[in-house]
Amino acid sequence: MEFSEPKGIYLQIADQIRERVVEGDWLPGERIPSIRELAVELGVNPNTVTKSYQRLTDRGIISSRRGLGYFVSDEARERALREMKDEFLRDELPRIVRTMQLLEIGPDELAGHFARNDR
């Protein structure tokens, strides 16, 4: 956790969980750490993890099974990927484009950079 980051800790936790789902670390139907387990692992208050889990539950990425814990939902990867793409296009890409314009980096130069790094 980056406690100095402007993004709330509960959002950072939710982002980490989404990334793990998208990367395939946690598969559909798989149980994820309990609120208490994750709070201890991350060194945060359990209420913070509860808020993260509620956010992910509301978005259909995880679900709670009473008495059993939290599990990755069947559509979690697709939902998380769609959310992450939307956030990138809305929040990060405009900043990248502005920086490219400031530095006078055009699409051809950017494509050339990626082509060189693919080798």
PDB file of N, CA and C in Angstrom:
ATOM      1  N   MET A   1       0.835  -1.172   0.000  1.00  0.00           N
ATOM      2  CA  MET A   1       0.000   0.000   0.000  1.00  0.00           C
ATOM      3  C   MET A   1       0.880   1.235   0.000  1.00  0.00           C
ATOM      4  N   GLU A   2       0.425   2.198  -0.763  1.00  0.00           N
ATOM      5  CA  GLU A   2       1.106   3.489  -0.816  1.00  0.00           C
ATOM      6  C   GLU A   2       0.274   4.478   0.000  1.00  0.00           C
ATOM      7  N   PHE A   3       0.622   4.623   1.262  1.00  0.00           N
ATOM      8  CA  PHE A   3      -0.169   5.470   2.147  1.00  0.00           C
ATOM      9  C   PHE A   3      -0.082   6.944   1.768  1.00  0.00           C
ATOM     10  N   SER A   4       0.959   7.332   1.017  1.00  0.00           N
ATOM     11  CA  SER A   4       1.109   8.736   0.619  1.00  0.00           C
ATOM     12  C   SER A   4       0.401   9.038  -0.701  1.00  0.00           C
ATOM     13  N   GLU A   5      -0.078   8.017  -1.378  1.00  0.00           N
ATOM     14  CA  GLU A   5      -0.757   8.203  -2.667  1.00  0.00           C
ATOM     15  C   GLU A   5      -2.100   8.902  -2.435  1.00  0.00           C
ATOM     16  N   PRO A   6      -2.493   9.784  -3.376  1.00  0.00           N
ATOM     17  CA  PRO A   6      -3.756  10.501  -3.183  1.00  0.00           C
ATOM     18  C   PRO A   6      -4.989   9.597  -3.256  1.00  0.00           C
ATOM     19  N   LYS A   7      -4.870   8.435  -3.880  1.00  0.00           N
ATOM     20  CA  LYS A   7      -5.990   7.502  -3.993  1.00  0.00           C
ATOM     21  C   LYS A   7      -6.192   6.817  -2.642  1.00  0.00           C
ATOM     22  N   GLY A   8      -7.435   6.721  -2.203  1.00  0.00           N
ATOM     23  CA  GLY A   8      -7.746   6.096  -0.933  1.00  0.00           C
ATOM     24  C   GLY A   8      -7.221   4.670  -0.844  1.00  0.00           C
ATOM     25  N   ILE A   9      -6.866   4.253   0.356  1.00  0.00           N
ATOM     26  CA  ILE A   9      -6.299   2.915   0.549  1.00  0.00           C
ATOM     27  C   ILE A   9      -7.294   1.840   0.142  1.00  0.00           C
ATOM     28  N   TYR A  10      -8.567   2.027   0.459  1.00  0.00           N
ATOM     29  CA  TYR A  10      -9.554   1.010   0.087  1.00  0.00           C
ATOM     30  C   TYR A  10      -9.642   0.871  -1.426  1.00  0.00           C
ATOM     31  N   LEU A  11      -9.443   1.980  -2.158  1.00  0.00           N
ATOM     32  CA  LEU A  11      -9.447   1.910  -3.629  1.00  0.00           C
ATOM     33  C   LEU A  11      -8.187   1.210  -4.139  1.00  0.00           C
ATOM     34  N   GLN A  12      -7.060   1.452  -3.481  1.00  0.00           N
ATOM     35  CA  GLN A  12      -5.825   0.777  -3.864  1.00  0.00           C
ATOM     36  C   GLN A  12      -5.958  -0.733  -3.661  1.00  0.00           C
ATOM     37  N   ILE A  13      -6.588  -1.133  -2.575  1.00  0.00           N
ATOM     38  CA  ILE A  13      -6.801  -2.556  -2.306  1.00  0.00           C
ATOM     39  C   ILE A  13      -7.715  -3.157  -3.376  1.00  0.00           C
ATOM     40  N   ALA A  14      -8.799  -2.462  -3.686  1.00  0.00           N
ATOM     41  CA  ALA A  14      -9.723  -2.938  -4.718  1.00  0.00           C
ATOM     42  C   ALA A  14      -8.999  -3.058  -6.056  1.00  0.00           C
ATOM     43  N   ASP A  15      -8.147  -2.087  -6.376  1.00  0.00           N
ATOM     44  CA  ASP A  15      -7.378  -2.134  -7.624  1.00  0.00           C
ATOM     45  C   ASP A  15      -6.458  -3.348  -7.653  1.00  0.00           C
ATOM     46  N   GLN A  16      -5.788  -3.621  -6.547  1.00  0.00           N
ATOM     47  CA  GLN A  16      -4.888  -4.779  -6.474  1.00  0.00           C
ATOM     48  C   GLN A  16      -5.654  -6.078  -6.691  1.00  0.00           C
ATOM     49  N   ILE A  17      -6.821  -6.176  -6.105  1.00  0.00           N
ATOM     50  CA  ILE A  17      -7.630  -7.388  -6.264  1.00  0.00           C
ATOM     51  C   ILE A  17      -8.069  -7.529  -7.717  1.00  0.00           C
ATOM     52  N   ARG A  18      -8.521  -6.433  -8.326  1.00  0.00           N
ATOM     53  CA  ARG A  18      -8.909  -6.491  -9.740  1.00  0.00           C
ATOM     54  C   ARG A  18      -7.737  -6.935 -10.605  1.00  0.00           C
ATOM     55  N   GLU A  19      -6.550  -6.396 -10.338  1.00  0.00           N
ATOM     56  CA  GLU A  19      -5.364  -6.775 -11.115  1.00  0.00           C
ATOM     57  C   GLU A  19      -5.077  -8.267 -10.968  1.00  0.00           C
ATOM     58  N   ARG A  20      -5.199  -8.786  -9.761  1.00  0.00           N
ATOM     59  CA  ARG A  20      -4.951 -10.219  -9.547  1.00  0.00           C
ATOM     60  C   ARG A  20      -5.965 -11.070 -10.297  1.00  0.00           C
ATOM     61  N   VAL A  21      -7.193 -10.603 -10.360  1.00  0.00           N
ATOM     62  CA  VAL A  21      -8.229 -11.326 -11.104  1.00  0.00           C
ATOM     63  C   VAL A  21      -7.917 -11.276 -12.603  1.00  0.00           C
ATOM     64  N   VAL A  22      -7.585 -10.104 -13.117  1.00  0.00           N
ATOM     65  CA  VAL A  22      -7.299  -9.956 -14.546  1.00  0.00           C
ATOM     66  C   VAL A  22      -6.058 -10.759 -14.928  1.00  0.00           C
ATOM     67  N   GLU A  23      -5.043 -10.767 -14.072  1.00  0.00           N
ATOM     68  CA  GLU A  23      -3.814 -11.509 -14.358  1.00  0.00           C
ATOM     69  C   GLU A  23      -3.994 -13.017 -14.222  1.00  0.00           C
ATOM     70  N   GLY A  24      -5.112 -13.452 -13.651  1.00  0.00           N
ATOM     71  CA  GLY A  24      -5.376 -14.879 -13.506  1.00  0.00           C
ATOM     72  C   GLY A  24      -4.819 -15.479 -12.229  1.00  0.00           C
ATOM     73  N   ASP A  25      -4.373 -14.623 -11.302  1.00  0.00           N
ATOM     74  CA  ASP A  25      -3.896 -15.134 -10.012  1.00  0.00           C
ATOM     75  C   ASP A  25      -5.048 -15.739  -9.210  1.00  0.00           C
ATOM     76  N   TRP A  26      -6.216 -15.113  -9.321  1.00  0.00           N
ATOM     77  CA  TRP A  26      -7.425 -15.612  -8.662  1.00  0.00           C
ATOM     78  C   TRP A  26      -8.446 -15.919  -9.744  1.00  0.00           C
ATOM     79  N   LEU A  27      -8.893 -17.148  -9.789  1.00  0.00           N
ATOM     80  CA  LEU A  27      -9.794 -17.630 -10.841  1.00  0.00           C
ATOM     81  C   LEU A  27     -11.250 -17.606 -10.386  1.00  0.00           C
ATOM     82  N   PRO A  28     -12.191 -17.615 -11.342  1.00  0.00           N
ATOM     83  CA  PRO A  28     -13.610 -17.652 -10.987  1.00  0.00           C
ATOM     84  C   PRO A  28     -13.919 -18.810 -10.043  1.00  0.00           C
ATOM     85  N   GLY A  29     -14.688 -18.509  -9.017  1.00  0.00           N
ATOM     86  CA  GLY A  29     -15.068 -19.522  -8.043  1.00  0.00           C
ATOM     87  C   GLY A  29     -14.063 -19.724  -6.929  1.00  0.00           C
ATOM     88  N   GLU A  30     -12.881 -19.123  -7.067  1.00  0.00           N
ATOM     89  CA  GLU A  30     -11.834 -19.291  -6.058  1.00  0.00           C
ATOM     90  C   GLU A  30     -12.098 -18.397  -4.853  1.00  0.00           C
ATOM     91  N   ARG A  31     -11.835 -18.946  -3.680  1.00  0.00           N
ATOM     92  CA  ARG A  31     -11.976 -18.180  -2.441  1.00  0.00           C
ATOM     93  C   ARG A  31     -10.799 -17.222  -2.325  1.00  0.00           C
ATOM     94  N   ILE A  32     -11.090 -15.990  -1.913  1.00  0.00           N
ATOM     95  CA  ILE A  32     -10.030 -15.015  -1.685  1.00  0.00           C
ATOM     96  C   ILE A  32      -9.848 -14.849  -0.174  1.00  0.00           C
ATOM     97  N   PRO A  33      -8.769 -14.203   0.256  1.00  0.00           N
ATOM     98  CA  PRO A  33      -8.551 -14.059   1.703  1.00  0.00           C
ATOM     99  C   PRO A  33      -9.739 -13.394   2.405  1.00  0.00           C
ATOM    100  N   SER A  34      -9.955 -13.788   3.640  1.00  0.00           N
ATOM    101  CA  SER A  34     -11.016 -13.160   4.425  1.00  0.00           C
ATOM    102  C   SER A  34     -10.632 -11.704   4.684  1.00  0.00           C
ATOM    103  N   ILE A  35     -11.586 -10.929   5.119  1.00  0.00           N
ATOM    104  CA  ILE A  35     -11.328  -9.527   5.435  1.00  0.00           C
ATOM    105  C   ILE A  35     -10.207  -9.429   6.462  1.00  0.00           C
ATOM    106  N   ARG A  36     -10.305 -10.224   7.491  1.00  0.00           N
ATOM    107  CA  ARG A  36      -9.302 -10.180   8.557  1.00  0.00           C
ATOM    108  C   ARG A  36      -7.927 -10.618   8.049  1.00  0.00           C
ATOM    109  N   GLU A  37      -7.890 -11.685   7.260  1.00  0.00           N
ATOM    110  CA  GLU A  37      -6.616 -12.167   6.708  1.00  0.00           C
ATOM    111  C   GLU A  37      -5.934 -11.103   5.861  1.00  0.00           C
ATOM    112  N   LEU A  38      -6.696 -10.473   4.979  1.00  0.00           N
ATOM    113  CA  LEU A  38      -6.111  -9.473   4.100  1.00  0.00           C
ATOM    114  C   LEU A  38      -5.692  -8.228   4.886  1.00  0.00           C
ATOM    115  N   ALA A  39      -6.477  -7.844   5.874  1.00  0.00           N
ATOM    116  CA  ALA A  39      -6.128  -6.684   6.697  1.00  0.00           C
ATOM    117  C   ALA A  39      -4.795  -6.911   7.408  1.00  0.00           C
ATOM    118  N   VAL A  40      -4.613  -8.098   7.954  1.00  0.00           N
ATOM    119  CA  VAL A  40      -3.351  -8.421   8.634  1.00  0.00           C
ATOM    120  C   VAL A  40      -2.203  -8.427   7.627  1.00  0.00           C
ATOM    121  N   GLU A  41      -2.423  -9.059   6.482  1.00  0.00           N
ATOM    122  CA  GLU A  41      -1.387  -9.144   5.446  1.00  0.00           C
ATOM    123  C   GLU A  41      -0.939  -7.758   4.981  1.00  0.00           C
ATOM    124  N   LEU A  42      -1.896  -6.842   4.833  1.00  0.00           N
ATOM    125  CA  LEU A  42      -1.585  -5.508   4.313  1.00  0.00           C
ATOM    126  C   LEU A  42      -1.272  -4.497   5.412  1.00  0.00           C
ATOM    127  N   GLY A  43      -1.552  -4.855   6.650  1.00  0.00           N
ATOM    128  CA  GLY A  43      -1.303  -3.944   7.763  1.00  0.00           C
ATOM    129  C   GLY A  43      -2.268  -2.771   7.796  1.00  0.00           C
ATOM    130  N   VAL A  44      -3.538  -3.052   7.466  1.00  0.00           N
ATOM    131  CA  VAL A  44      -4.563  -2.008   7.478  1.00  0.00           C
ATOM    132  C   VAL A  44      -5.709  -2.431   8.388  1.00  0.00           C
ATOM    133  N   ASN A  45      -6.581  -1.495   8.670  1.00  0.00           N
ATOM    134  CA  ASN A  45      -7.753  -1.756   9.494  1.00  0.00           C
ATOM    135  C   ASN A  45      -8.728  -2.653   8.719  1.00  0.00           C
ATOM    136  N   PRO A  46      -9.333  -3.642   9.370  1.00  0.00           N
ATOM    137  CA  PRO A  46     -10.317  -4.501   8.694  1.00  0.00           C
ATOM    138  C   PRO A  46     -11.465  -3.718   8.050  1.00  0.00           C
ATOM    139  N   ASN A  47     -11.831  -2.578   8.621  1.00  0.00           N
ATOM    140  CA  ASN A  47     -12.895  -1.759   8.019  1.00  0.00           C
ATOM    141  C   ASN A  47     -12.503  -1.265   6.634  1.00  0.00           C
ATOM    142  N   THR A  48     -11.218  -1.024   6.420  1.00  0.00           N
ATOM    143  CA  THR A  48     -10.734  -0.582   5.115  1.00  0.00           C
ATOM    144  C   THR A  48     -10.918  -1.692   4.088  1.00  0.00           C
ATOM    145  N   VAL A  49     -10.574  -2.914   4.473  1.00  0.00           N
ATOM    146  CA  VAL A  49     -10.744  -4.062   3.565  1.00  0.00           C
ATOM    147  C   VAL A  49     -12.228  -4.319   3.331  1.00  0.00           C
ATOM    148  N   THR A  50     -13.030  -4.163   4.357  1.00  0.00           N
ATOM    149  CA  THR A  50     -14.483  -4.332   4.207  1.00  0.00           C
ATOM    150  C   THR A  50     -15.018  -3.383   3.143  1.00  0.00           C
ATOM    151  N   LYS A  51     -14.554  -2.145   3.171  1.00  0.00           N
ATOM    152  CA  LYS A  51     -14.987  -1.150   2.182  1.00  0.00           C
ATOM    153  C   LYS A  51     -14.553  -1.566   0.772  1.00  0.00           C
ATOM    154  N   SER A  52     -13.344  -2.101   0.645  1.00  0.00           N
ATOM    155  CA  SER A  52     -12.851  -2.582  -0.651  1.00  0.00           C
ATOM    156  C   SER A  52     -13.705  -3.739  -1.152  1.00  0.00           C
ATOM    157  N   TYR A  53     -13.961  -4.698  -0.276  1.00  0.00           N
ATOM    158  CA  TYR A  53     -14.747  -5.865  -0.660  1.00  0.00           C
ATOM    159  C   TYR A  53     -16.164  -5.462  -1.043  1.00  0.00           C
ATOM    160  N   GLN A  54     -16.735  -4.498  -0.324  1.00  0.00           N
ATOM    161  CA  GLN A  54     -18.094  -4.042  -0.658  1.00  0.00           C
ATOM    162  C   GLN A  54     -18.115  -3.410  -2.043  1.00  0.00           C
ATOM    163  N   ARG A  55     -17.094  -2.613  -2.345  1.00  0.00           N
ATOM    164  CA  ARG A  55     -16.992  -1.975  -3.670  1.00  0.00           C
ATOM    165  C   ARG A  55     -16.931  -3.039  -4.771  1.00  0.00           C
ATOM    166  N   LEU A  56     -16.124  -4.071  -4.556  1.00  0.00           N
ATOM    167  CA  LEU A  56     -15.973  -5.141  -5.548  1.00  0.00           C
ATOM    168  C   LEU A  56     -17.233  -6.007  -5.641  1.00  0.00           C
ATOM    169  N   THR A  57     -17.901  -6.200  -4.532  1.00  0.00           N
ATOM    170  CA  THR A  57     -19.160  -6.951  -4.515  1.00  0.00           C
ATOM    171  C   THR A  57     -20.230  -6.187  -5.298  1.00  0.00           C
ATOM    172  N   ASP A  58     -20.304  -4.871  -5.066  1.00  0.00           N
ATOM    173  CA  ASP A  58     -21.279  -4.035  -5.777  1.00  0.00           C
ATOM    174  C   ASP A  58     -21.062  -4.085  -7.284  1.00  0.00           C
ATOM    175  N   ARG A  59     -19.828  -4.300  -7.720  1.00  0.00           N
ATOM    176  CA  ARG A  59     -19.497  -4.337  -9.143  1.00  0.00           C
ATOM    177  C   ARG A  59     -19.535  -5.747  -9.727  1.00  0.00           C
ATOM    178  N   GLY A  60     -19.869  -6.723  -8.893  1.00  0.00           N
ATOM    179  CA  GLY A  60     -19.998  -8.094  -9.380  1.00  0.00           C
ATOM    180  C   GLY A  60     -18.672  -8.791  -9.637  1.00  0.00           C
ATOM    181  N   ILE A  61     -17.593  -8.306  -9.023  1.00  0.00           N
ATOM    182  CA  ILE A  61     -16.282  -8.918  -9.228  1.00  0.00           C
ATOM    183  C   ILE A  61     -16.037 -10.016  -8.196  1.00  0.00           C
ATOM    184  N   ILE A  62     -16.516  -9.800  -6.990  1.00  0.00           N
ATOM    185  CA  ILE A  62     -16.470 -10.850  -5.972  1.00  0.00           C
ATOM    186  C   ILE A  62     -17.866 -10.999  -5.390  1.00  0.00           C
ATOM    187  N   SER A  63     -18.069 -12.113  -4.695  1.00  0.00           N
ATOM    188  CA  SER A  63     -19.353 -12.325  -4.031  1.00  0.00           C
ATOM    189  C   SER A  63     -19.102 -12.982  -2.689  1.00  0.00           C
ATOM    190  N   SER A  64     -20.031 -12.774  -1.798  1.00  0.00           N
ATOM    191  CA  SER A  64     -19.935 -13.334  -0.457  1.00  0.00           C
ATOM    192  C   SER A  64     -20.833 -14.557  -0.367  1.00  0.00           C
ATOM    193  N   ARG A  65     -20.310 -15.601   0.227  1.00  0.00           N
ATOM    194  CA  ARG A  65     -21.125 -16.793   0.523  1.00  0.00           C
ATOM    195  C   ARG A  65     -21.170 -16.902   2.034  1.00  0.00           C
ATOM    196  N   ARG A  66     -22.332 -16.688   2.554  1.00  0.00           N
ATOM    197  CA  ARG A  66     -22.527 -16.630   4.001  1.00  0.00           C
ATOM    198  C   ARG A  66     -21.858 -17.822   4.699  1.00  0.00           C
ATOM    199  N   GLY A  67     -21.008 -17.506   5.639  1.00  0.00           N
ATOM    200  CA  GLY A  67     -20.325 -18.530   6.423  1.00  0.00           C
ATOM    201  C   GLY A  67     -19.112 -19.145   5.741  1.00  0.00           C
ATOM    202  N   LEU A  68     -18.910 -18.850   4.460  1.00  0.00           N
ATOM    203  CA  LEU A  68     -17.791 -19.449   3.724  1.00  0.00           C
ATOM    204  C   LEU A  68     -16.720 -18.434   3.332  1.00  0.00           C
ATOM    205  N   GLY A  69     -17.119 -17.172   3.141  1.00  0.00           N
ATOM    206  CA  GLY A  69     -16.159 -16.149   2.775  1.00  0.00           C
ATOM    207  C   GLY A  69     -16.478 -15.488   1.456  1.00  0.00           C
ATOM    208  N   TYR A  70     -15.452 -14.898   0.877  1.00  0.00           N
ATOM    209  CA  TYR A  70     -15.592 -14.176  -0.388  1.00  0.00           C
ATOM    210  C   TYR A  70     -14.952 -14.976  -1.511  1.00  0.00           C
ATOM    211  N   PHE A  71     -15.601 -14.918  -2.684  1.00  0.00           N
ATOM    212  CA  PHE A  71     -15.160 -15.699  -3.830  1.00  0.00           C
ATOM    213  C   PHE A  71     -15.155 -14.824  -5.076  1.00  0.00           C
ATOM    214  N   VAL A  72     -14.301 -15.182  -6.025  1.00  0.00           N
ATOM    215  CA  VAL A  72     -14.244 -14.497  -7.306  1.00  0.00           C
ATOM    216  C   VAL A  72     -15.483 -14.903  -8.097  1.00  0.00           C
ATOM    217  N   SER A  73     -16.197 -13.913  -8.634  1.00  0.00           N
ATOM    218  CA  SER A  73     -17.406 -14.228  -9.401  1.00  0.00           C
ATOM    219  C   SER A  73     -17.044 -14.793 -10.770  1.00  0.00           C
ATOM    220  N   ASP A  74     -18.014 -15.434 -11.393  1.00  0.00           N
ATOM    221  CA  ASP A  74     -17.789 -16.075 -12.690  1.00  0.00           C
ATOM    222  C   ASP A  74     -17.399 -15.078 -13.783  1.00  0.00           C
ATOM    223  N   GLU A  75     -17.949 -13.876 -13.746  1.00  0.00           N
ATOM    224  CA  GLU A  75     -17.670 -12.863 -14.771  1.00  0.00           C
ATOM    225  C   GLU A  75     -16.633 -11.848 -14.303  1.00  0.00           C
ATOM    226  N   ALA A  76     -15.915 -12.162 -13.235  1.00  0.00           N
ATOM    227  CA  ALA A  76     -15.009 -11.193 -12.616  1.00  0.00           C
ATOM    228  C   ALA A  76     -13.951 -10.654 -13.560  1.00  0.00           C
ATOM    229  N   ARG A  77     -13.295 -11.535 -14.302  1.00  0.00           N
ATOM    230  CA  ARG A  77     -12.205 -11.070 -15.165  1.00  0.00           C
ATOM    231  C   ARG A  77     -12.718 -10.087 -16.214  1.00  0.00           C
ATOM    232  N   GLU A  78     -13.823 -10.412 -16.857  1.00  0.00           N
ATOM    233  CA  GLU A  78     -14.373  -9.549 -17.890  1.00  0.00           C
ATOM    234  C   GLU A  78     -14.814  -8.209 -17.310  1.00  0.00           C
ATOM    235  N   ARG A  79     -15.460  -8.244 -16.156  1.00  0.00           N
ATOM    236  CA  ARG A  79     -15.926  -7.003 -15.524  1.00  0.00           C
ATOM    237  C   ARG A  79     -14.746  -6.141 -15.084  1.00  0.00           C
ATOM    238  N   ALA A  80     -13.760  -6.769 -14.442  1.00  0.00           N
ATOM    239  CA  ALA A  80     -12.589  -6.021 -13.974  1.00  0.00           C
ATOM    240  C   ALA A  80     -11.811  -5.436 -15.147  1.00  0.00           C
ATOM    241  N   LEU A  81     -11.641  -6.225 -16.195  1.00  0.00           N
ATOM    242  CA  LEU A  81     -10.913  -5.757 -17.376  1.00  0.00           C
ATOM    243  C   LEU A  81     -11.637  -4.563 -18.012  1.00  0.00           C
ATOM    244  N   ARG A  82     -12.933  -4.657 -18.129  1.00  0.00           N
ATOM    245  CA  ARG A  82     -13.729  -3.563 -18.709  1.00  0.00           C
ATOM    246  C   ARG A  82     -13.595  -2.297 -17.850  1.00  0.00           C
ATOM    247  N   GLU A  83     -13.698  -2.443 -16.528  1.00  0.00           N
ATOM    248  CA  GLU A  83     -13.546  -1.299 -15.624  1.00  0.00           C
ATOM    249  C   GLU A  83     -12.166  -0.674 -15.752  1.00  0.00           C
ATOM    250  N   MET A  84     -11.139  -1.522 -15.773  1.00  0.00           N
ATOM    251  CA  MET A  84      -9.775  -1.020 -15.838  1.00  0.00           C
ATOM    252  C   MET A  84      -9.508  -0.311 -17.167  1.00  0.00           C
ATOM    253  N   LYS A  85     -10.037  -0.836 -18.255  1.00  0.00           N
ATOM    254  CA  LYS A  85      -9.888  -0.175 -19.558  1.00  0.00           C
ATOM    255  C   LYS A  85     -10.585   1.177 -19.548  1.00  0.00           C
ATOM    256  N   ASP A  86     -11.818   1.210 -19.038  1.00  0.00           N
ATOM    257  CA  ASP A  86     -12.567   2.466 -18.985  1.00  0.00           C
ATOM    258  C   ASP A  86     -11.821   3.515 -18.153  1.00  0.00           C
ATOM    259  N   GLU A  87     -11.286   3.099 -17.007  1.00  0.00           N
ATOM    260  CA  GLU A  87     -10.545   4.028 -16.154  1.00  0.00           C
ATOM    261  C   GLU A  87      -9.277   4.523 -16.840  1.00  0.00           C
ATOM    262  N   PHE A  88      -8.582   3.638 -17.544  1.00  0.00           N
ATOM    263  CA  PHE A  88      -7.378   4.043 -18.261  1.00  0.00           C
ATOM    264  C   PHE A  88      -7.718   5.078 -19.329  1.00  0.00           C
ATOM    265  N   LEU A  89      -8.741   4.780 -20.132  1.00  0.00           N
ATOM    266  CA  LEU A  89      -9.117   5.693 -21.206  1.00  0.00           C
ATOM    267  C   LEU A  89      -9.620   7.033 -20.672  1.00  0.00           C
ATOM    268  N   ARG A  90     -10.294   7.016 -19.540  1.00  0.00           N
ATOM    269  CA  ARG A  90     -10.860   8.234 -18.961  1.00  0.00           C
ATOM    270  C   ARG A  90      -9.825   9.038 -18.173  1.00  0.00           C
ATOM    271  N   ASP A  91      -8.970   8.349 -17.397  1.00  0.00           N
ATOM    272  CA  ASP A  91      -8.104   9.046 -16.447  1.00  0.00           C
ATOM    273  C   ASP A  91      -6.644   9.166 -16.879  1.00  0.00           C
ATOM    274  N   GLU A  92      -6.084   8.097 -17.415  1.00  0.00           N
ATOM    275  CA  GLU A  92      -4.658   8.089 -17.697  1.00  0.00           C
ATOM    276  C   GLU A  92      -4.303   8.511 -19.117  1.00  0.00           C
ATOM    277  N   LEU A  93      -5.042   8.031 -20.090  1.00  0.00           N
ATOM    278  CA  LEU A  93      -4.702   8.328 -21.476  1.00  0.00           C
ATOM    279  C   LEU A  93      -4.684   9.828 -21.772  1.00  0.00           C
ATOM    280  N   PRO A  94      -5.644  10.607 -21.295  1.00  0.00           N
ATOM    281  CA  PRO A  94      -5.563  12.047 -21.565  1.00  0.00           C
ATOM    282  C   PRO A  94      -4.273  12.687 -21.034  1.00  0.00           C
ATOM    283  N   ARG A  95      -3.807  12.238 -19.870  1.00  0.00           N
ATOM    284  CA  ARG A  95      -2.542  12.767 -19.331  1.00  0.00           C
ATOM    285  C   ARG A  95      -1.369  12.363 -20.216  1.00  0.00           C
ATOM    286  N   ILE A  96      -1.394  11.126 -20.692  1.00  0.00           N
ATOM    287  CA  ILE A  96      -0.327  10.643 -21.569  1.00  0.00           C
ATOM    288  C   ILE A  96      -0.308  11.441 -22.865  1.00  0.00           C
ATOM    289  N   VAL A  97      -1.476  11.658 -23.440  1.00  0.00           N
ATOM    290  CA  VAL A  97      -1.561  12.414 -24.693  1.00  0.00           C
ATOM    291  C   VAL A  97      -1.066  13.839 -24.484  1.00  0.00           C
ATOM    292  N   ARG A  98      -1.453  14.479 -23.382  1.00  0.00           N
ATOM    293  CA  ARG A  98      -0.984  15.844 -23.103  1.00  0.00           C
ATOM    294  C   ARG A  98       0.539  15.884 -22.977  1.00  0.00           C
ATOM    295  N   THR A  99       1.111  14.903 -22.291  1.00  0.00           N
ATOM    296  CA  THR A  99       2.568  14.844 -22.141  1.00  0.00           C
ATOM    297  C   THR A  99       3.239  14.617 -23.492  1.00  0.00           C
ATOM    298  N   MET A 100       2.670  13.745 -24.313  1.00  0.00           N
ATOM    299  CA  MET A 100       3.218  13.509 -25.650  1.00  0.00           C
ATOM    300  C   MET A 100       3.195  14.794 -26.470  1.00  0.00           C
ATOM    301  N   GLN A 101       2.114  15.542 -26.376  1.00  0.00           N
ATOM    302  CA  GLN A 101       2.025  16.800 -27.114  1.00  0.00           C
ATOM    303  C   GLN A 101       3.065  17.800 -26.613  1.00  0.00           C
ATOM    304  N   LEU A 102       3.218  17.893 -25.315  1.00  0.00           N
ATOM    305  CA  LEU A 102       4.195  18.801 -24.723  1.00  0.00           C
ATOM    306  C   LEU A 102       5.612  18.466 -25.183  1.00  0.00           C
ATOM    307  N   LEU A 103       5.917  17.180 -25.242  1.00  0.00           N
ATOM    308  CA  LEU A 103       7.252  16.722 -25.618  1.00  0.00           C
ATOM    309  C   LEU A 103       7.407  16.528 -27.123  1.00  0.00           C
ATOM    310  N   GLU A 104       6.338  16.828 -27.855  1.00  0.00           N
ATOM    311  CA  GLU A 104       6.330  16.700 -29.314  1.00  0.00           C
ATOM    312  C   GLU A 104       6.678  15.273 -29.765  1.00  0.00           C
ATOM    313  N   ILE A 105       6.056  14.329 -29.097  1.00  0.00           N
ATOM    314  CA  ILE A 105       6.197  12.919 -29.463  1.00  0.00           C
ATOM    315  C   ILE A 105       4.962  12.549 -30.276  1.00  0.00           C
ATOM    316  N   GLY A 106       5.175  12.176 -31.525  1.00  0.00           N
ATOM    317  CA  GLY A 106       4.066  11.821 -32.397  1.00  0.00           C
ATOM    318  C   GLY A 106       3.813  10.324 -32.388  1.00  0.00           C
ATOM    319  N   PRO A 107       2.703   9.909 -32.983  1.00  0.00           N
ATOM    320  CA  PRO A 107       2.360   8.482 -33.030  1.00  0.00           C
ATOM    321  C   PRO A 107       3.437   7.630 -33.706  1.00  0.00           C
ATOM    322  N   ASP A 108       4.074   8.175 -34.753  1.00  0.00           N
ATOM    323  CA  ASP A 108       5.113   7.404 -35.450  1.00  0.00           C
ATOM    324  C   ASP A 108       6.313   7.146 -34.542  1.00  0.00           C
ATOM    325  N   GLU A 109       6.715   8.172 -33.794  1.00  0.00           N
ATOM    326  CA  GLU A 109       7.844   8.012 -32.872  1.00  0.00           C
ATOM    327  C   GLU A 109       7.496   7.002 -31.780  1.00  0.00           C
ATOM    328  N   LEU A 110       6.286   7.071 -31.297  1.00  0.00           N
ATOM    329  CA  LEU A 110       5.839   6.137 -30.265  1.00  0.00           C
ATOM    330  C   LEU A 110       5.812   4.710 -30.807  1.00  0.00           C
ATOM    331  N   ALA A 111       5.284   4.541 -32.011  1.00  0.00           N
ATOM    332  CA  ALA A 111       5.244   3.204 -32.637  1.00  0.00           C
ATOM    333  C   ALA A 111       6.656   2.677 -32.838  1.00  0.00           C
ATOM    334  N   GLY A 112       7.581   3.551 -33.274  1.00  0.00           N
ATOM    335  CA  GLY A 112       8.961   3.142 -33.455  1.00  0.00           C
ATOM    336  C   GLY A 112       9.603   2.690 -32.145  1.00  0.00           C
ATOM    337  N   HIS A 113       9.283   3.399 -31.086  1.00  0.00           N
ATOM    338  CA  HIS A 113       9.812   3.019 -29.776  1.00  0.00           C
ATOM    339  C   HIS A 113       9.344   1.622 -29.373  1.00  0.00           C
ATOM    340  N   PHE A 114       8.060   1.348 -29.570  1.00  0.00           N
ATOM    341  CA  PHE A 114       7.522   0.039 -29.208  1.00  0.00           C
ATOM    342  C   PHE A 114       8.070  -1.046 -30.127  1.00  0.00           C
ATOM    343  N   ALA A 115       8.261  -0.736 -31.381  1.00  0.00           N
ATOM    344  CA  ALA A 115       8.823  -1.726 -32.322  1.00  0.00           C
ATOM    345  C   ALA A 115      10.240  -2.105 -31.916  1.00  0.00           C
ATOM    346  N   ARG A 116      11.048  -1.123 -31.500  1.00  0.00           N
ATOM    347  CA  ARG A 116      12.422  -1.408 -31.059  1.00  0.00           C
ATOM    348  C   ARG A 116      12.439  -2.242 -29.790  1.00  0.00           C
ATOM    349  N   ASN A 117      11.506  -2.004 -28.905  1.00  0.00           N
ATOM    350  CA  ASN A 117      11.466  -2.725 -27.621  1.00  0.00           C
ATOM    351  C   ASN A 117      10.869  -4.109 -27.723  1.00  0.00           C
ATOM    352  N   ASP A 118      10.230  -4.432 -28.852  1.00  0.00           N
ATOM    353  CA  ASP A 118       9.657  -5.768 -29.053  1.00  0.00           C
ATOM    354  C   ASP A 118      10.694  -6.787 -29.473  1.00  0.00           C
ATOM    355  N   ARG A 119      11.835  -6.325 -29.895  1.00  0.00           N
ATOM    356  CA  ARG A 119      12.871  -7.237 -30.409  1.00  0.00           C
ATOM    357  C   ARG A 119      13.529  -8.017 -29.346  1.00  0.00           C
TER     358      ARG A 119
END
